[in-house]
Amino acid sequence: MRPKNEIEDELHYRIMQDLEYYNSQLPDTVIIAWRAYLGALLEWNILSIKTYDKLVKLMPSVEDDPSISILSGREN
């Protein structure tokens, strides 16, 4: 497995590439996909919470983002 800072650098680069491609206007579906992907990496302990938070902050939030509900658990 690669060192976590290498993984963070790669993910940061890829998110920035998407931001550039979409002229900083990421579609909600792309944001949700990224957050879900990062959430999975967090769950599998590939990313630290600090790294997850740092990468998620690169993107705008999405109202009612299902990836956040899945990661944190749904309230009944």
Protein backbone atom coordinates (compact mmCIF):
# COMPACT_ATOMS: atom_id res chain seq x y z
CA MET A 1 0.00 0.00 0.00
CA ARG A 2 1.21 3.51 -0.76
CA PRO A 3 1.91 5.97 2.07
CA LYS A 4 -1.17 7.94 3.07
CA ASN A 5 0.35 11.29 2.08
CA GLU A 6 0.92 9.92 -1.43
CA ILE A 7 -2.72 8.86 -1.55
CA GLU A 8 -3.83 12.28 -0.31
CA ASP A 9 -1.67 14.01 -2.92
CA GLU A 10 -3.09 11.84 -5.70
CA LEU A 11 -6.71 12.39 -4.62
CA HIS A 12 -6.12 16.13 -4.23
CA TYR A 13 -4.68 16.23 -7.75
CA ARG A 14 -7.63 14.31 -9.19
CA ILE A 15 -10.22 16.49 -7.46
CA MET A 16 -8.45 19.61 -8.70
CA GLN A 17 -8.46 18.14 -12.23
CA ASP A 18 -12.23 17.72 -12.01
CA LEU A 19 -12.64 21.26 -10.70
CA GLU A 20 -10.59 22.54 -13.62
CA TYR A 21 -12.52 20.41 -16.13
CA TYR A 22 -15.84 21.74 -14.86
CA ASN A 23 -14.59 25.34 -14.46
CA SER A 24 -15.04 25.08 -10.66
CA GLN A 25 -18.74 24.25 -11.16
CA LEU A 26 -18.84 20.55 -10.29
CA PRO A 27 -22.21 18.97 -10.98
CA ASP A 28 -23.95 17.62 -7.88
CA THR A 29 -23.62 14.06 -9.18
CA VAL A 30 -19.83 14.42 -9.43
CA ILE A 31 -19.60 15.92 -5.93
CA ILE A 32 -21.71 13.08 -4.52
CA ALA A 33 -19.58 10.51 -6.33
CA TRP A 34 -16.38 12.02 -4.95
CA ARG A 35 -17.75 12.23 -1.41
CA ALA A 36 -18.94 8.63 -1.58
CA TYR A 37 -15.55 7.51 -2.89
CA LEU A 38 -13.73 9.41 -0.15
CA GLY A 39 -16.17 8.04 2.42
CA ALA A 40 -15.38 4.49 1.35
CA LEU A 41 -11.65 5.17 1.66
CA LEU A 42 -12.28 6.58 5.14
CA GLU A 43 -14.33 3.54 6.16
CA TRP A 44 -11.54 1.21 5.02
CA ASN A 45 -9.01 3.26 6.99
CA ILE A 46 -7.12 4.28 3.86
CA LEU A 47 -7.76 7.95 4.68
CA SER A 48 -7.62 9.60 8.07
CA ILE A 49 -10.53 11.77 9.20
CA LYS A 50 -8.24 14.79 8.87
CA THR A 51 -7.40 13.93 5.25
CA TYR A 52 -11.04 13.12 4.44
CA ASP A 53 -12.14 16.49 5.83
CA LYS A 54 -9.40 18.33 3.93
CA LEU A 55 -10.34 16.73 0.61
CA VAL A 56 -14.10 17.15 1.08
CA LYS A 57 -13.57 20.88 1.73
CA LEU A 58 -12.20 21.25 -1.81
CA MET A 59 -15.74 20.79 -3.12
CA PRO A 60 -18.97 22.64 -2.44
CA SER A 61 -21.59 20.91 -0.34
CA VAL A 62 -24.69 19.31 -1.80
CA GLU A 63 -28.06 19.61 -0.10
CA ASP A 64 -29.33 16.20 1.05
CA ASP A 65 -26.12 14.46 -0.04
CA PRO A 66 -26.87 10.73 0.32
CA SER A 67 -23.18 9.86 0.65
CA ILE A 68 -23.02 11.77 3.94
CA SER A 69 -26.15 10.02 5.25
CA ILE A 70 -24.72 6.64 4.32
CA LEU A 71 -21.36 7.40 5.93
CA SER A 72 -22.75 8.82 9.15
CA GLY A 73 -25.84 6.63 9.41
CA ARG A 74 -29.40 7.64 8.89
CA GLU A 75 -31.51 8.92 11.74
CA ASN A 76 -34.84 7.16 12.11
